Amino acid sequence: MKKILSLLSVLLFTFHVQAQKANYNLLVGTYTNTAGKSEGIYTYNFHTFSGTTRLKSVTKGIANPSYLTVAPDRKFVYSVNETGATSTVSAFSFNSYSGKLTFLNKQDSHGADPCYITADNKNVVVANYSGGSLAVFGRNADGTLTGPKQIIQHTGKSIDPEKRQESAHVHMVQFTPDKKYLICNDLGEDQIYVYRYNPASKDGLLSIKTVLKTNAGSGPRHLTFSPNGRFAYLTHEFNGSITAFVYSNGNLNKIQEIGTTDPEFKGRVDGADIHVSPDGKFLYQSNRGDANSISVFSILSTGKLNFVSRISTEGKGPRNFAIDPSGNYLLVGHQYTNNIVIFKRNKATGELKDTGKRIEVGSPVCLVFTPIN
């Protein structure tokens, strides 16, 4: 009898572990001031074997929580509140089992319209798009945000004829894989800033290591690293092109530029998001505007890209997308058609196929997967 009970215990534990591996939380940041009628931040359960979802929690009363980040310990979530000159940054405690977020506090973002946010064990860094600045906030032990430790204001401009580059527009901030540097893309200046990062410093957390010029009028937007940390890929908003780099110790060395639209395409591109598959074999990039497409590239051993395919995202305004941790599915959030489209990934070829599955949610603009503890 004891052996049977022991075997049952092992089987139940194994089943529980397997269930945890198959299920992840999917957090969705949204705009709450649009016709999509979003109520805030949404938490779904995502099953990586079947691609099915289940709503777990809605965090209401949060103004335009457009971009989110989960702390490394997965106990806290931070969001921007993109409300023009009154923009703030919010902190939440996070229960990964229930998916519930509990508001802790917020701070002035010290720059209009924050559009990206990232966090490590000590700090939270925000990119203020309209304000053209980045701000660093400390993290207290209880997850709350301190006042700003450092604010850096960019002041340049570039040549875009549609007047989107008449001033600095900080569009993304992210730590390098070695955690020694912070990458900052400035769409308004056509520049990539590489900042040295000293997380323990009280007054000089960030200092400039180097500034890279991108092609004038290209609008550098989002950058992603390969899982092994050797390569980085930058997508440009104005033409949708991708720049590939070799990365080492804070240095980005360009090795390739490649387009993402058909040579005969004449409409507006508006490049949006870019990610590498968990196995490091494929790169994906989305375009909005008149394109509403996602392109697939294989990654060579040198880091260079080979075009594989391009398909419709089946919606309008694919602002953000995410590949689930298993690599089985790719989810695209459509800001203007108020849904998330779920594609199945072919791990051998990298190609995507629409599953027909949808998550109906108002104005989704940020998708973040995180484990269920």
Protein backbone atom coordinates (compact mmCIF):
# COMPACT_ATOMS: atom_id res chain seq x y z
CA MET A 1 0.00 0.00 0.00
CA LYS A 2 2.84 2.38 0.88
CA LYS A 3 4.48 1.69 -2.50
CA ILE A 4 1.22 2.48 -4.30
CA LEU A 5 0.79 5.74 -2.37
CA SER A 6 4.40 6.65 -3.04
CA LEU A 7 3.95 5.97 -6.76
CA LEU A 8 0.78 8.06 -6.82
CA SER A 9 2.62 10.92 -5.13
CA VAL A 10 5.38 10.78 -7.73
CA LEU A 11 2.85 10.69 -10.57
CA LEU A 12 0.92 13.65 -9.15
CA PHE A 13 4.12 15.65 -8.70
CA THR A 14 5.22 14.83 -12.25
CA PHE A 15 1.81 15.84 -13.59
CA HIS A 16 1.99 19.12 -11.65
CA VAL A 17 5.48 19.91 -13.00
CA GLN A 18 4.42 19.10 -16.56
CA ALA A 19 1.31 21.26 -16.18
CA GLN A 20 3.45 24.16 -15.00
CA LYS A 21 5.77 23.76 -17.99
CA ALA A 22 2.81 23.80 -20.37
CA ASN A 23 1.11 26.82 -18.84
CA TYR A 24 2.37 30.39 -18.71
CA ASN A 25 0.93 33.74 -17.81
CA LEU A 26 0.41 36.12 -20.70
CA LEU A 27 0.24 39.74 -19.57
CA VAL A 28 -1.29 42.24 -22.00
CA GLY A 29 -0.73 46.00 -21.80
CA THR A 30 -3.31 48.19 -23.54
CA TYR A 31 -4.56 51.66 -24.29
CA THR A 32 -7.63 52.41 -22.16
CA ASN A 33 -8.56 55.69 -23.88
CA THR A 34 -9.57 54.22 -27.24
CA ALA A 35 -12.66 52.79 -28.91
CA GLY A 36 -11.35 49.35 -28.06
CA LYS A 37 -12.70 49.86 -24.54
CA SER A 38 -9.87 48.19 -22.69
CA GLU A 39 -10.17 48.21 -18.90
CA GLY A 40 -6.45 47.99 -18.06
CA ILE A 41 -3.92 45.15 -17.79
CA TYR A 42 -5.09 41.65 -18.68
CA THR A 43 -3.62 38.35 -17.47
CA TYR A 44 -4.34 35.17 -19.42
CA ASN A 45 -3.30 31.58 -18.97
CA PHE A 46 -1.58 30.38 -22.16
CA HIS A 47 -1.19 26.66 -22.85
CA THR A 48 1.94 26.05 -24.93
CA PHE A 49 0.83 22.63 -26.23
CA SER A 50 -2.59 23.65 -27.55
CA GLY A 51 -2.30 27.41 -28.00
CA THR A 52 -5.46 27.92 -25.95
CA THR A 53 -6.00 30.82 -23.55
CA ARG A 54 -8.10 31.57 -20.48
CA LEU A 55 -8.66 34.98 -18.88
CA LYS A 56 -7.42 34.96 -15.28
CA SER A 57 -7.50 38.58 -14.15
CA VAL A 58 -8.14 42.17 -15.25
CA THR A 59 -6.41 45.01 -13.42
CA LYS A 60 -8.79 47.94 -13.83
CA GLY A 61 -8.48 51.65 -13.25
CA ILE A 62 -5.01 51.95 -14.79
CA ALA A 63 -4.62 54.71 -17.39
CA ASN A 64 -3.01 53.56 -20.66
CA PRO A 65 -0.70 50.82 -19.29
CA SER A 66 0.72 50.43 -22.78
CA TYR A 67 4.03 48.75 -21.95
CA LEU A 68 4.88 46.34 -19.15
CA THR A 69 7.85 44.57 -17.68
CA VAL A 70 8.09 41.77 -15.12
CA ALA A 71 10.79 41.96 -12.43
CA PRO A 72 13.43 39.18 -12.50
CA ASP A 73 11.98 37.62 -9.33
CA ARG A 74 8.53 37.60 -11.02
CA LYS A 75 6.91 39.04 -7.89
CA PHE A 76 6.36 42.51 -9.31
CA VAL A 77 5.17 44.10 -12.55
CA TYR A 78 5.86 47.65 -13.72
CA SER A 79 3.91 49.58 -16.33
CA VAL A 80 4.09 52.92 -18.04
CA ASN A 81 0.99 55.13 -17.98
CA GLU A 82 1.12 56.88 -21.31
CA THR A 83 -0.93 60.05 -20.74
CA GLY A 84 1.04 62.88 -22.34
CA ALA A 85 2.51 65.47 -20.00
CA THR A 86 0.90 63.78 -16.96
CA SER A 87 2.48 60.36 -17.66
CA THR A 88 3.52 58.16 -14.77
CA VAL A 89 5.15 54.79 -14.01
CA SER A 90 3.27 52.26 -11.85
CA ALA A 91 4.36 49.37 -9.64
CA PHE A 92 2.27 46.27 -8.85
CA SER A 93 2.73 43.15 -6.79
CA PHE A 94 2.02 40.05 -8.88
CA ASN A 95 0.46 36.73 -7.91
CA SER A 96 1.44 34.39 -10.72
CA TYR A 97 -1.09 31.71 -9.71
CA SER A 98 -4.16 33.93 -9.80
CA GLY A 99 -2.70 36.40 -12.31
CA LYS A 100 -3.79 39.25 -10.07
CA LEU A 101 -1.88 42.52 -9.96
CA THR A 102 -2.17 44.75 -6.89
CA PHE A 103 -1.27 48.42 -7.25
CA LEU A 104 1.61 49.56 -5.03
CA ASN A 105 2.58 53.10 -6.05
CA LYS A 106 3.48 55.30 -8.98
CA GLN A 107 5.96 57.99 -9.89
CA ASP A 108 6.02 60.82 -12.41
CA SER A 109 7.73 59.48 -15.55
CA HIS A 110 9.67 62.76 -15.94
CA GLY A 111 8.97 62.85 -19.66
CA ALA A 112 5.84 62.77 -21.80
CA ASP A 113 4.43 59.52 -23.22
CA PRO A 114 6.66 56.72 -21.90
CA CYS A 115 6.54 53.89 -24.44
CA TYR A 116 8.94 51.26 -23.08
CA ILE A 117 10.03 49.99 -19.66
CA THR A 118 12.55 47.47 -18.35
CA ALA A 119 13.67 46.32 -14.90
CA ASP A 120 16.46 44.47 -13.13
CA ASN A 121 16.88 43.61 -9.46
CA LYS A 122 17.65 47.18 -8.42
CA ASN A 123 16.14 49.60 -10.93
CA VAL A 124 13.39 50.33 -13.42
CA VAL A 125 14.26 52.27 -16.58
CA VAL A 126 11.69 54.09 -18.72
CA ALA A 127 11.87 55.47 -22.28
CA ASN A 128 9.87 58.69 -22.64
CA TYR A 129 8.92 59.00 -26.31
CA SER A 130 7.49 62.52 -26.62
CA GLY A 131 9.69 63.81 -23.83
CA GLY A 132 12.87 62.52 -25.51
CA SER A 133 14.31 61.33 -22.21
CA LEU A 134 15.02 58.22 -20.18
CA ALA A 135 14.55 57.96 -16.43
CA VAL A 136 15.89 55.48 -13.87
CA PHE A 137 13.85 54.66 -10.76
CA GLY A 138 14.98 52.57 -7.80
CA ARG A 139 13.14 49.46 -6.60
CA ASN A 140 12.43 49.08 -2.90
CA ALA A 141 12.33 45.63 -1.27
CA ASP A 142 8.52 45.74 -1.27
CA GLY A 143 8.46 46.41 -5.02
CA THR A 144 7.52 50.06 -4.78
CA LEU A 145 9.29 52.63 -6.92
CA THR A 146 11.55 55.33 -5.51
CA GLY A 147 11.80 58.77 -7.04
CA PRO A 148 14.07 59.09 -10.07
CA LYS A 149 17.75 58.30 -9.50
CA GLN A 150 18.76 59.73 -12.87
CA ILE A 151 17.09 61.51 -15.78
CA ILE A 152 18.86 61.87 -19.12
CA GLN A 153 17.48 64.30 -21.69
CA HIS A 154 18.24 63.84 -25.39
CA THR A 155 18.15 66.99 -27.50
CA GLY A 156 18.90 66.05 -31.13
CA LYS A 157 16.78 65.72 -34.27
CA SER A 158 16.99 64.28 -37.79
CA ILE A 159 15.56 64.63 -41.29
CA ASP A 160 12.18 62.86 -41.54
CA PRO A 161 10.03 64.94 -43.94
CA GLU A 162 6.84 64.12 -42.02
CA LYS A 163 8.21 66.02 -39.04
CA ARG A 164 8.49 62.98 -36.75
CA GLN A 165 12.15 63.80 -36.12
CA GLU A 166 12.03 67.45 -35.16
CA SER A 167 13.08 66.45 -31.64
CA ALA A 168 14.43 63.45 -29.73
CA HIS A 169 12.10 60.48 -29.26
CA VAL A 170 13.48 57.77 -26.97
CA HIS A 171 11.72 54.60 -28.11
CA MET A 172 13.34 51.70 -26.30
CA VAL A 173 15.63 50.94 -23.37
CA GLN A 174 17.01 47.49 -22.61
CA PHE A 175 19.91 45.86 -20.84
CA THR A 176 22.55 44.03 -22.81
CA PRO A 177 22.83 40.25 -22.22
CA ASP A 178 25.90 40.78 -20.04
CA LYS A 179 23.97 43.37 -17.95
CA LYS A 180 26.89 45.79 -18.16
CA TYR A 181 25.23 48.25 -20.52
CA LEU A 182 21.89 49.79 -21.40
CA ILE A 183 20.88 50.18 -25.05
CA CYS A 184 18.71 53.20 -25.86
CA ASN A 185 17.16 53.71 -29.31
CA ASP A 186 16.30 57.31 -30.20
CA LEU A 187 13.91 57.38 -33.15
CA GLY A 188 13.96 61.18 -33.37
CA GLU A 189 17.73 61.45 -33.59
CA ASP A 190 18.45 58.34 -35.71
CA GLN A 191 20.89 57.22 -33.03
CA ILE A 192 21.59 54.27 -30.74
CA TYR A 193 23.04 55.16 -27.35
CA VAL A 194 25.08 52.61 -25.43
CA TYR A 195 25.25 53.56 -21.76
CA ARG A 196 27.57 52.00 -19.19
CA TYR A 197 25.42 50.71 -16.36
CA ASN A 198 26.44 50.83 -12.70
CA PRO A 199 23.34 49.63 -10.80
CA ALA A 200 24.79 50.29 -7.35
CA SER A 201 25.68 53.93 -8.03
CA LYS A 202 23.60 56.62 -6.32
CA ASP A 203 24.10 59.39 -8.84
CA GLY A 204 25.84 58.03 -11.95
CA LEU A 205 24.07 54.83 -12.90
CA LEU A 206 24.30 55.57 -16.61
CA SER A 207 27.20 57.11 -18.50
CA ILE A 208 27.69 57.19 -22.27
CA LYS A 209 30.03 54.59 -23.74
CA THR A 210 29.26 55.27 -27.40
CA VAL A 211 26.64 56.67 -29.76
CA LEU A 212 25.93 54.97 -33.11
CA LYS A 213 24.40 56.80 -36.06
CA THR A 214 21.80 54.91 -38.07
CA ASN A 215 20.80 55.80 -41.62
CA ALA A 216 19.30 59.29 -41.69
CA GLY A 217 15.51 59.20 -41.69
CA SER A 218 15.27 55.52 -40.74
CA GLY A 219 13.87 55.91 -37.20
CA PRO A 220 15.49 53.20 -35.01
CA ARG A 221 12.71 51.64 -32.93
CA HIS A 222 13.18 48.21 -31.30
CA LEU A 223 16.25 46.00 -30.86
CA THR A 224 16.51 42.36 -29.83
CA PHE A 225 19.41 40.08 -28.94
CA SER A 226 19.95 36.47 -29.94
CA PRO A 227 19.65 34.00 -27.02
CA ASN A 228 23.42 33.43 -26.99
CA GLY A 229 24.05 37.19 -26.71
CA ARG A 230 26.33 37.28 -29.78
CA PHE A 231 24.05 39.14 -32.17
CA ALA A 232 21.62 42.06 -32.06
CA TYR A 233 18.93 43.07 -34.55
CA LEU A 234 17.43 46.55 -34.88
CA THR A 235 14.20 47.35 -36.73
CA HIS A 236 13.63 50.85 -38.11
CA GLU A 237 10.16 52.36 -37.98
CA PHE A 238 10.13 54.52 -41.09
CA ASN A 239 11.23 51.93 -43.65
CA GLY A 240 10.89 48.63 -41.77
CA SER A 241 14.48 47.64 -42.51
CA ILE A 242 16.59 45.53 -40.13
CA THR A 243 20.21 46.17 -39.16
CA ALA A 244 22.16 43.17 -37.88
CA PHE A 245 25.07 43.59 -35.45
CA VAL A 246 27.69 41.45 -33.80
CA TYR A 247 27.64 42.29 -30.08
CA SER A 248 30.57 42.12 -27.67
CA ASN A 249 31.24 43.99 -24.42
CA GLY A 250 29.13 47.03 -25.22
CA ASN A 251 30.12 47.19 -28.89
CA LEU A 252 27.65 46.85 -31.76
CA ASN A 253 29.39 46.16 -35.08
CA LYS A 254 27.10 46.30 -38.12
CA ILE A 255 27.22 43.29 -40.44
CA GLN A 256 24.07 43.62 -42.56
CA GLU A 257 21.06 45.70 -43.55
CA ILE A 258 18.04 43.99 -45.05
CA GLY A 259 14.53 45.05 -46.02
CA THR A 260 11.27 43.52 -44.80
CA THR A 261 8.75 44.53 -47.48
CA ASP A 262 8.21 43.31 -51.02
CA PRO A 263 10.29 45.39 -53.49
CA GLU A 264 7.05 46.46 -55.20
CA PHE A 265 5.33 47.60 -51.99
CA LYS A 266 4.53 51.33 -52.15
CA GLY A 267 2.48 52.00 -49.01
CA ARG A 268 3.34 53.18 -45.52
CA VAL A 269 5.49 50.71 -43.60
CA ASP A 270 5.77 51.72 -39.91
CA GLY A 271 8.09 48.97 -38.66
CA ALA A 272 7.07 47.88 -35.17
CA ASP A 273 8.54 44.92 -33.32
CA ILE A 274 11.32 42.35 -33.63
CA HIS A 275 12.16 39.09 -31.81
CA VAL A 276 14.37 35.99 -32.12
CA SER A 277 12.93 32.51 -31.58
CA PRO A 278 13.96 30.77 -28.32
CA ASP A 279 16.23 28.37 -30.23
CA GLY A 280 18.05 31.30 -31.88
CA LYS A 281 17.41 29.98 -35.40
CA PHE A 282 14.86 32.50 -36.70
CA LEU A 283 14.12 36.22 -36.54
CA TYR A 284 10.64 37.76 -36.83
CA GLN A 285 9.76 41.41 -37.58
CA SER A 286 6.38 43.16 -37.88
CA ASN A 287 5.25 46.15 -39.95
CA ARG A 288 2.13 48.25 -39.42
CA GLY A 289 0.86 51.08 -41.66
CA ASP A 290 -0.43 49.71 -44.96
CA ALA A 291 1.70 46.56 -44.68
CA ASN A 292 0.33 44.78 -41.57
CA SER A 293 2.76 41.95 -42.14
CA ILE A 294 5.26 39.81 -40.31
CA SER A 295 8.49 38.64 -41.93
CA VAL A 296 10.54 35.55 -41.11
CA PHE A 297 14.32 35.27 -41.51
CA SER A 298 16.68 32.41 -40.78
CA ILE A 299 19.78 33.32 -38.79
CA LEU A 300 23.09 32.09 -40.19
CA SER A 301 26.06 31.11 -38.00
CA THR A 302 27.60 34.50 -38.84
CA GLY A 303 24.54 36.33 -37.51
CA LYS A 304 23.42 37.44 -40.97
CA LEU A 305 19.83 36.95 -42.08
CA ASN A 306 18.22 35.05 -44.96
CA PHE A 307 14.63 35.86 -45.92
CA VAL A 308 12.21 32.96 -45.45
CA SER A 309 8.65 34.25 -45.81
CA ARG A 310 6.23 37.10 -45.23
CA ILE A 311 2.55 36.85 -44.30
CA SER A 312 -0.34 39.05 -43.21
CA THR A 313 -0.78 39.45 -39.46
CA GLU A 314 -4.56 39.12 -40.03
CA GLY A 315 -5.28 42.43 -38.34
CA LYS A 316 -4.44 46.11 -38.33
CA GLY A 317 -1.67 47.74 -36.34
CA PRO A 318 0.55 44.82 -35.19
CA ARG A 319 2.20 46.98 -32.56
CA ASN A 320 3.78 44.17 -30.59
CA PHE A 321 4.18 40.39 -30.79
CA ALA A 322 5.64 37.67 -28.59
CA ILE A 323 6.87 34.11 -29.05
CA ASP A 324 5.78 31.79 -26.25
CA PRO A 325 8.66 30.29 -24.22
CA SER A 326 8.22 26.85 -25.81
CA GLY A 327 8.62 28.37 -29.27
CA ASN A 328 5.43 26.68 -30.47
CA TYR A 329 3.38 29.81 -31.03
CA LEU A 330 3.75 33.45 -32.01
CA LEU A 331 1.09 35.91 -30.83
CA VAL A 332 0.48 39.28 -32.53
CA GLY A 333 -1.35 42.12 -30.76
CA HIS A 334 -3.34 44.41 -33.06
CA GLN A 335 -3.82 47.90 -31.69
CA TYR A 336 -6.55 48.90 -34.15
CA THR A 337 -8.55 45.71 -34.66
CA ASN A 338 -8.60 44.95 -30.92
CA ASN A 339 -7.40 41.38 -30.91
CA ILE A 340 -4.44 39.06 -30.54
CA VAL A 341 -3.92 36.58 -33.39
CA ILE A 342 -2.28 33.25 -32.51
CA PHE A 343 0.05 31.71 -35.12
CA LYS A 344 1.60 28.23 -34.97
CA ARG A 345 5.36 28.17 -35.59
CA ASN A 346 7.05 25.51 -37.66
CA LYS A 347 10.23 25.05 -35.64
CA ALA A 348 12.08 23.48 -38.56
CA THR A 349 11.34 26.17 -41.17
CA GLY A 350 10.38 29.13 -38.99
CA GLU A 351 7.21 29.68 -41.00
CA LEU A 352 3.92 30.76 -39.44
CA LYS A 353 0.37 29.47 -39.88
CA ASP A 354 -2.78 31.11 -38.56
CA THR A 355 -4.45 28.82 -36.02
CA GLY A 356 -7.75 30.67 -36.22
CA LYS A 357 -7.52 31.29 -32.48
CA ARG A 358 -8.05 34.87 -31.26
CA ILE A 359 -7.99 36.78 -28.00
CA GLU A 360 -10.49 39.62 -28.17
CA VAL A 361 -9.12 42.52 -26.12
CA GLY A 362 -9.21 46.27 -26.56
CA SER A 363 -6.15 47.95 -28.11
CA PRO A 364 -3.41 45.46 -27.11
CA VAL A 365 0.08 46.95 -27.47
CA CYS A 366 2.36 44.82 -25.26
CA LEU A 367 2.51 41.04 -24.76
CA VAL A 368 4.67 39.53 -22.01
CA PHE A 369 4.98 35.84 -21.10
CA THR A 370 6.04 34.88 -17.60
CA PRO A 371 6.15 31.50 -15.77
CA ILE A 372 3.60 30.44 -13.21
CA ASN A 373 5.64 29.95 -10.03
